[in-house]
C-alpha cells in the first residue's frame, strides 16, 4: 500500500534530479532511499523513474504520483489537525443513548455540564431501551449508553458483555402505583401477591418484562389490560383506578406523581440499577471519560429515597 514516504520520495527525486539528491534532501542514506524506491515500484508494479544520462526523470507513473502527492499530504495534514482537535476535546462528536426517563432526568444535567466544560464537542442523543442500546454499542453506532436493569436476587435482564466498561450511576426503588382510594394504599409497603387479582397497566417492553418476572416470583401472572410507553400516561391511568402499575423513581422524577396516586414499595423488594455502559474501544475515545464523569455527577443530583414519594 502506498505510504506518505513514497510521495515524499518521488517529489524529492523530481526536485533534485537524482535518488542520491533525494536521499540527502530527506535525510536518508543512499541505500535506504534506493530500498524505498524499489519497495514503491513493487507496490505500483511499474518503474517510477528512468535514468537519462546523469539525470533521473520520472516515468509516466512517477508523474501520476507526483501530481497526487500534494493532495495526499494535505489530506493527511488536515486529518491530523482534526484528530488533534478531538484528542484535545476541541471538536468531534460523541453518540449517547439513554432510556426515556434517564433522558428526562440524568442526561440533561450531564449534557449541560459537559457542554460547559467542552463547548466544541457535540453530543448526539438517541433515546432507546437497554437491549437496543447494547446492540448499538456492539455495532459501533453509539459510544456510550445509559441503561436501566431491574433486579431482585442478583439476576439482571439485560446482558452486557463481561469485558465492557460498566459503571453504576445510581440504584432506585421500584414502587407500585395505585389510586389513593385503593385498600392497599394505607399500607407502608405492599406484598405483590396481594395484587394478583388486579388489572395491570404495563409500561415499555423492558418494564413489562420486569412486571412479568417479579409477578412470577410472587406466584402469579399479571392480567395486563392496558399498555403504554408513556410514563406520564401510566401514572394517570393508575391514578384513575384503571389498573395498578410498577413505576421507578426516575419516572417520578421525570414527571411528578399525579395527586391521586399512591406509591408504595413492593414486597419482595425490587430495584433498578442505572448504569453507564461502553465498549473497551469506545472507552479510548477522547471525551468519553469526561462524559461518564458528568453522568455520574448528575446521578447524585436526581437520587431520591422511597420516602420522598408519598
Protein backbone atom coordinates (compact mmCIF):
# COMPACT_ATOMS: atom_id res chain seq x y z
CA UNK A 1 0.00 0.00 0.00
CA UNK A 2 1.23 3.48 -0.81
CA UNK A 3 2.53 5.50 2.11
CA UNK A 4 3.27 9.19 2.51
CA UNK A 5 7.02 8.49 2.46
CA UNK A 6 6.63 7.25 -1.12
CA UNK A 7 5.04 10.51 -2.26
CA UNK A 8 7.77 12.48 -0.47
CA UNK A 9 10.49 10.41 -2.16
CA UNK A 10 9.01 10.93 -5.64
CA UNK A 11 8.72 14.68 -5.04
CA UNK A 12 12.34 14.87 -3.82
CA UNK A 13 13.65 12.89 -6.82
CA UNK A 14 11.79 15.22 -9.18
CA UNK A 15 13.11 18.30 -7.39
CA UNK A 16 16.77 17.22 -7.02
CA UNK A 17 17.05 15.20 -10.24
CA UNK A 18 18.56 12.10 -8.61
CA UNK A 19 17.99 9.41 -6.00
CA UNK A 20 21.14 10.46 -4.13
CA UNK A 21 19.94 14.06 -4.10
CA UNK A 22 16.56 12.97 -2.79
CA UNK A 23 18.29 10.92 -0.08
CA UNK A 24 20.31 13.94 1.09
CA UNK A 25 17.23 16.16 0.99
CA UNK A 26 15.14 13.75 3.07
CA UNK A 27 17.93 12.82 5.48
CA UNK A 28 18.15 9.22 4.24
CA UNK A 29 21.22 7.17 3.39
CA UNK A 30 21.62 6.34 -0.31
CA UNK A 31 20.86 2.61 0.29
CA UNK A 32 17.76 3.47 2.33
CA UNK A 33 16.41 5.72 -0.43
CA UNK A 34 17.12 3.07 -3.08
CA UNK A 35 15.41 0.40 -0.98
CA UNK A 36 12.36 2.62 -0.53
CA UNK A 37 12.27 3.25 -4.28
CA UNK A 38 12.36 -0.50 -5.01
CA UNK A 39 9.55 -1.04 -2.50
CA UNK A 40 7.48 1.65 -4.21
CA UNK A 41 7.98 0.11 -7.65
CA UNK A 42 6.94 -3.30 -6.32
CA UNK A 43 3.74 -1.76 -4.96
CA UNK A 44 2.79 0.04 -8.19
CA UNK A 45 4.21 -2.79 -10.34
CA UNK A 46 5.90 -0.43 -12.78
CA UNK A 47 9.03 1.78 -12.80
CA UNK A 48 8.57 5.29 -11.44
CA UNK A 49 11.96 6.69 -12.57
CA UNK A 50 14.14 6.45 -15.66
CA UNK A 51 17.79 7.46 -15.93
CA UNK A 52 18.67 9.67 -18.89
CA UNK A 53 22.42 10.22 -18.89
CA UNK A 54 23.30 11.62 -15.49
CA UNK A 55 19.76 12.76 -14.83
CA UNK A 56 16.93 10.86 -13.24
CA UNK A 57 13.47 11.60 -14.54
CA UNK A 58 10.04 10.40 -13.54
CA UNK A 59 8.17 7.93 -15.71
CA UNK A 60 4.52 8.47 -16.51
CA UNK A 61 3.65 6.50 -13.35
CA UNK A 62 6.03 8.70 -11.39
CA UNK A 63 4.35 11.81 -12.78
CA UNK A 64 0.98 10.49 -11.58
CA UNK A 65 2.40 10.02 -8.08
CA UNK A 66 3.93 13.50 -8.21
CA UNK A 67 0.59 15.02 -9.23
CA UNK A 68 -1.33 13.35 -6.39
CA UNK A 69 1.34 13.78 -3.73
CA UNK A 70 0.36 17.29 -2.56
CA UNK A 71 -3.29 16.23 -2.23
CA UNK A 72 -2.36 13.14 -0.21
CA UNK A 73 -0.05 15.09 2.09
CA UNK A 74 -2.61 17.86 2.51
CA UNK A 75 -5.39 15.37 3.31
CA UNK A 76 -3.27 13.71 5.98
CA UNK A 77 -2.32 17.06 7.48
CA UNK A 78 -5.99 18.06 7.63
CA UNK A 79 -6.86 14.71 9.20
CA UNK A 80 -4.14 15.11 11.82
CA UNK A 81 -5.35 18.62 12.61
CA UNK A 82 -8.91 17.36 13.11
CA UNK A 83 -7.70 14.45 15.24
CA UNK A 84 -5.69 16.84 17.41
CA UNK A 85 -8.89 18.84 18.00
CA UNK A 86 -10.74 15.68 19.01
CA UNK A 87 -7.90 14.48 21.24
CA UNK A 88 -7.82 17.90 22.89
CA UNK A 89 -11.64 17.94 23.28
CA UNK A 90 -11.83 20.90 20.89
CA UNK A 91 -14.02 19.14 18.34
CA UNK A 92 -15.62 15.87 17.30
CA UNK A 93 -18.92 14.18 18.16
CA UNK A 94 -19.99 11.59 20.73
CA UNK A 95 -23.14 9.49 20.48
CA UNK A 96 -25.02 8.81 23.71
CA UNK A 97 -28.03 6.53 24.02
CA UNK A 98 -30.36 6.53 27.03
CA UNK A 99 -33.78 5.24 28.03
CA UNK A 100 -36.66 7.79 28.25
CA UNK A 101 -36.78 8.57 31.98
CA UNK A 102 -32.98 8.93 32.08
CA UNK A 103 -33.20 11.25 29.06
CA UNK A 104 -35.59 13.42 31.05
CA UNK A 105 -33.59 13.48 34.30
CA UNK A 106 -29.93 12.46 34.40
CA UNK A 107 -28.98 13.24 30.81
CA UNK A 108 -29.98 16.95 30.62
CA UNK A 109 -27.96 17.73 33.75
CA UNK A 110 -24.96 15.78 32.48
CA UNK A 111 -25.02 17.25 28.97
CA UNK A 112 -25.34 20.80 30.27
CA UNK A 113 -22.24 20.32 32.42
CA UNK A 114 -20.34 18.58 29.60
CA UNK A 115 -21.15 21.42 27.21
CA UNK A 116 -20.00 23.96 29.79
CA UNK A 117 -16.65 22.18 30.02
CA UNK A 118 -16.25 21.25 26.34
CA UNK A 119 -18.43 23.53 24.19
CA UNK A 120 -16.82 22.42 20.91
CA UNK A 121 -17.58 18.71 21.35
CA UNK A 122 -21.03 17.75 20.01
CA UNK A 123 -23.11 15.06 21.71
CA UNK A 124 -25.84 13.27 19.77
CA UNK A 125 -28.58 11.69 21.89
CA UNK A 126 -30.54 8.58 20.84
CA UNK A 127 -33.41 7.51 23.07
CA UNK A 128 -33.99 3.76 23.46
CA UNK A 129 -34.19 0.94 25.97
CA UNK A 130 -31.32 -1.19 27.23
CA UNK A 131 -31.40 -4.11 24.76
CA UNK A 132 -31.35 -1.77 21.74
CA UNK A 133 -28.63 0.35 23.37
CA UNK A 134 -26.39 -2.69 23.85
CA UNK A 135 -26.84 -3.60 20.17
CA UNK A 136 -25.87 -0.08 19.10
CA UNK A 137 -22.75 -0.15 21.24
CA UNK A 138 -21.79 -3.52 19.77
CA UNK A 139 -22.22 -2.23 16.20
CA UNK A 140 -20.27 0.96 16.92
CA UNK A 141 -23.29 3.19 16.26
CA UNK A 142 -23.11 4.57 19.82
CA UNK A 143 -20.18 5.45 22.07
CA UNK A 144 -21.89 5.34 25.44
CA UNK A 145 -25.22 4.18 26.87
CA UNK A 146 -27.23 4.84 29.99
CA UNK A 147 -29.24 1.71 30.74
CA UNK A 148 -31.60 0.57 33.47
CA UNK A 149 -31.52 -3.01 34.77
CA UNK A 150 -34.23 -4.34 37.05
CA UNK A 151 -33.13 -6.90 39.61
CA UNK A 152 -34.04 -8.56 42.89
CA UNK A 153 -31.89 -11.56 43.81
CA UNK A 154 -28.90 -10.64 41.67
CA UNK A 155 -30.40 -11.52 38.28
CA UNK A 156 -30.43 -8.79 35.64
CA UNK A 157 -32.50 -8.62 32.49
CA UNK A 158 -30.01 -7.05 30.10
CA UNK A 159 -26.91 -9.00 29.14
CA UNK A 160 -23.78 -6.87 28.85
CA UNK A 161 -20.51 -8.49 27.66
CA UNK A 162 -18.14 -9.11 30.55
CA UNK A 163 -15.26 -7.11 29.05
CA UNK A 164 -17.34 -3.94 28.58
CA UNK A 165 -16.94 -0.99 30.94
CA UNK A 166 -20.00 -0.71 33.20
CA UNK A 167 -20.34 1.86 35.99
CA UNK A 168 -23.30 2.26 38.30
CA UNK A 169 -24.78 5.77 38.44
CA UNK A 170 -27.49 5.05 40.99
CA UNK A 171 -29.92 2.44 42.25
CA UNK A 172 -33.59 3.21 42.62
CA UNK A 173 -36.62 1.65 44.23
CA UNK A 174 -39.50 0.18 42.25
CA UNK A 175 -42.94 1.14 43.58
CA UNK A 176 -46.44 0.00 42.94
CA UNK A 177 -48.63 2.85 41.72
CA UNK A 178 -52.30 2.65 42.67
CA UNK A 179 -55.15 5.08 43.33
CA UNK A 180 -55.27 6.56 46.83
CA UNK A 181 -58.72 5.00 47.21
CA UNK A 182 -57.22 1.51 46.92
CA UNK A 183 -57.27 -0.59 50.10
CA UNK A 184 -53.52 -1.26 49.83
CA UNK A 185 -52.74 2.48 49.80
CA UNK A 186 -52.90 2.52 53.62
CA UNK A 187 -50.01 0.07 53.89
CA UNK A 188 -46.36 1.14 54.28
CA UNK A 189 -45.40 -1.44 51.65
CA UNK A 190 -47.44 -3.83 49.53
CA UNK A 191 -46.98 -7.56 49.04
CA UNK A 192 -47.20 -8.07 45.30
CA UNK A 193 -49.11 -11.31 45.81
CA UNK A 194 -51.95 -9.25 47.32
CA UNK A 195 -52.40 -7.61 43.90
CA UNK A 196 -52.62 -10.87 41.93
CA UNK A 197 -56.27 -10.28 41.07
CA UNK A 198 -55.82 -6.68 39.92
CA UNK A 199 -55.82 -5.34 36.39
CA UNK A 200 -52.35 -4.09 35.47
CA UNK A 201 -51.01 -1.23 33.36
CA UNK A 202 -47.74 -2.27 31.67
CA UNK A 203 -45.03 0.11 30.54
CA UNK A 204 -42.29 -0.26 27.92
CA UNK A 205 -41.07 -3.65 26.71
CA UNK A 206 -38.44 -3.97 29.43
CA UNK A 207 -40.76 -2.61 32.13
CA UNK A 208 -43.34 -5.20 31.05
CA UNK A 209 -40.70 -7.94 31.27
CA UNK A 210 -39.86 -6.72 34.77
CA UNK A 211 -43.53 -6.85 35.79
CA UNK A 212 -43.94 -10.40 34.48
CA UNK A 213 -40.75 -11.56 36.21
CA UNK A 214 -41.47 -10.02 39.61
CA UNK A 215 -45.08 -11.24 39.48
CA UNK A 216 -43.83 -14.76 38.75
CA UNK A 217 -41.65 -14.57 41.87
CA UNK A 218 -44.79 -13.57 43.79
CA UNK A 219 -46.64 -16.56 42.34
CA UNK A 220 -48.97 -15.11 39.72
CA UNK A 221 -49.24 -13.96 36.11
CA UNK A 222 -50.34 -10.32 35.85
CA UNK A 223 -53.55 -9.58 33.98
CA UNK A 224 -52.35 -6.75 31.74
CA UNK A 225 -55.29 -4.74 30.42
CA UNK A 226 -53.55 -1.51 29.38
CA UNK A 227 -50.11 -0.80 27.93
CA UNK A 228 -48.25 2.46 27.34
CA UNK A 229 -44.65 3.55 26.78
CA UNK A 230 -45.52 6.95 28.26
CA UNK A 231 -44.71 7.05 31.99
CA UNK A 232 -46.97 10.10 32.47
CA UNK A 233 -49.88 8.20 30.94
CA UNK A 234 -49.03 5.21 33.12
CA UNK A 235 -49.36 7.36 36.25
CA UNK A 236 -52.63 8.89 35.09
CA UNK A 237 -54.14 5.51 34.23
CA UNK A 238 -53.21 4.10 37.63
CA UNK A 239 -54.47 7.21 39.47
CA UNK A 240 -57.79 6.91 37.63
CA UNK A 241 -58.23 3.40 39.01
CA UNK A 242 -57.91 1.70 35.62
CA UNK A 243 -55.16 -0.62 36.83
CA UNK A 244 -52.17 -0.81 39.14
CA UNK A 245 -48.64 -0.43 37.80
CA UNK A 246 -44.98 -0.68 38.69
CA UNK A 247 -43.06 2.55 38.46
CA UNK A 248 -39.49 3.58 39.29
CA UNK A 249 -38.03 6.64 40.95
CA UNK A 250 -36.68 8.21 37.75
CA UNK A 251 -40.12 8.03 36.15
CA UNK A 252 -41.45 10.02 39.10
CA UNK A 253 -38.58 12.48 38.90
CA UNK A 254 -39.24 12.99 35.19
CA UNK A 255 -42.95 13.65 35.74
CA UNK A 256 -44.27 14.48 39.18
CA UNK A 257 -46.72 11.96 40.51
CA UNK A 258 -50.44 12.52 39.96
CA UNK A 259 -52.00 13.84 43.22
CA UNK A 260 -54.48 10.98 43.10
CA UNK A 261 -51.69 8.40 43.05
CA UNK A 262 -50.36 6.37 45.98
CA UNK A 263 -46.84 4.97 45.64
CA UNK A 264 -45.68 2.14 47.87
CA UNK A 265 -42.56 -0.06 47.93
CA UNK A 266 -43.28 -3.65 46.96
CA UNK A 267 -42.55 -6.96 48.63
CA UNK A 268 -40.45 -8.77 47.50
CA UNK A 269 -38.31 -5.68 47.09
CA UNK A 270 -37.39 -4.76 43.52
CA UNK A 271 -34.81 -2.23 42.42
CA UNK A 272 -33.39 -0.86 39.21
CA UNK A 273 -29.71 -0.22 38.66
CA UNK A 274 -28.92 2.74 36.40
CA UNK A 275 -25.53 2.32 34.74
CA UNK A 276 -23.32 3.73 32.05
CA UNK A 277 -22.02 1.15 29.58
CA UNK A 278 -19.37 1.45 26.90
CA UNK A 279 -17.05 -0.84 24.99
CA UNK A 280 -13.28 -1.06 25.61
CA UNK A 281 -12.73 0.50 22.18
CA UNK A 282 -15.10 3.41 22.77
CA UNK A 283 -13.57 3.98 26.20
CA UNK A 284 -10.42 5.14 24.39
CA UNK A 285 -12.36 7.86 22.55
CA UNK A 286 -11.41 11.26 23.97
CA UNK A 287 -14.35 12.76 25.80
CA UNK A 288 -15.96 9.50 26.94
CA UNK A 289 -14.29 9.64 30.37
CA UNK A 290 -15.42 13.26 30.75
CA UNK A 291 -19.00 12.46 29.75
CA UNK A 292 -19.00 9.48 32.13
CA UNK A 293 -17.96 11.78 34.96
CA UNK A 294 -20.74 14.24 34.13
CA UNK A 295 -23.33 11.43 34.10
CA UNK A 296 -22.02 10.14 37.43
CA UNK A 297 -22.36 13.58 38.99
CA UNK A 298 -25.84 14.04 37.53
CA UNK A 299 -26.92 10.76 39.11
CA UNK A 300 -26.19 12.09 42.58
CA UNK A 301 -28.46 15.07 41.93
CA UNK A 302 -31.55 13.07 40.98
CA UNK A 303 -31.26 10.22 43.51
CA UNK A 304 -34.35 10.03 45.65
CA UNK A 305 -35.22 7.81 48.60
CA UNK A 306 -38.53 5.88 48.62
CA UNK A 307 -39.82 8.06 51.48
CA UNK A 308 -39.70 11.09 49.17
CA UNK A 309 -42.73 9.86 47.24
CA UNK A 310 -45.99 9.85 49.19
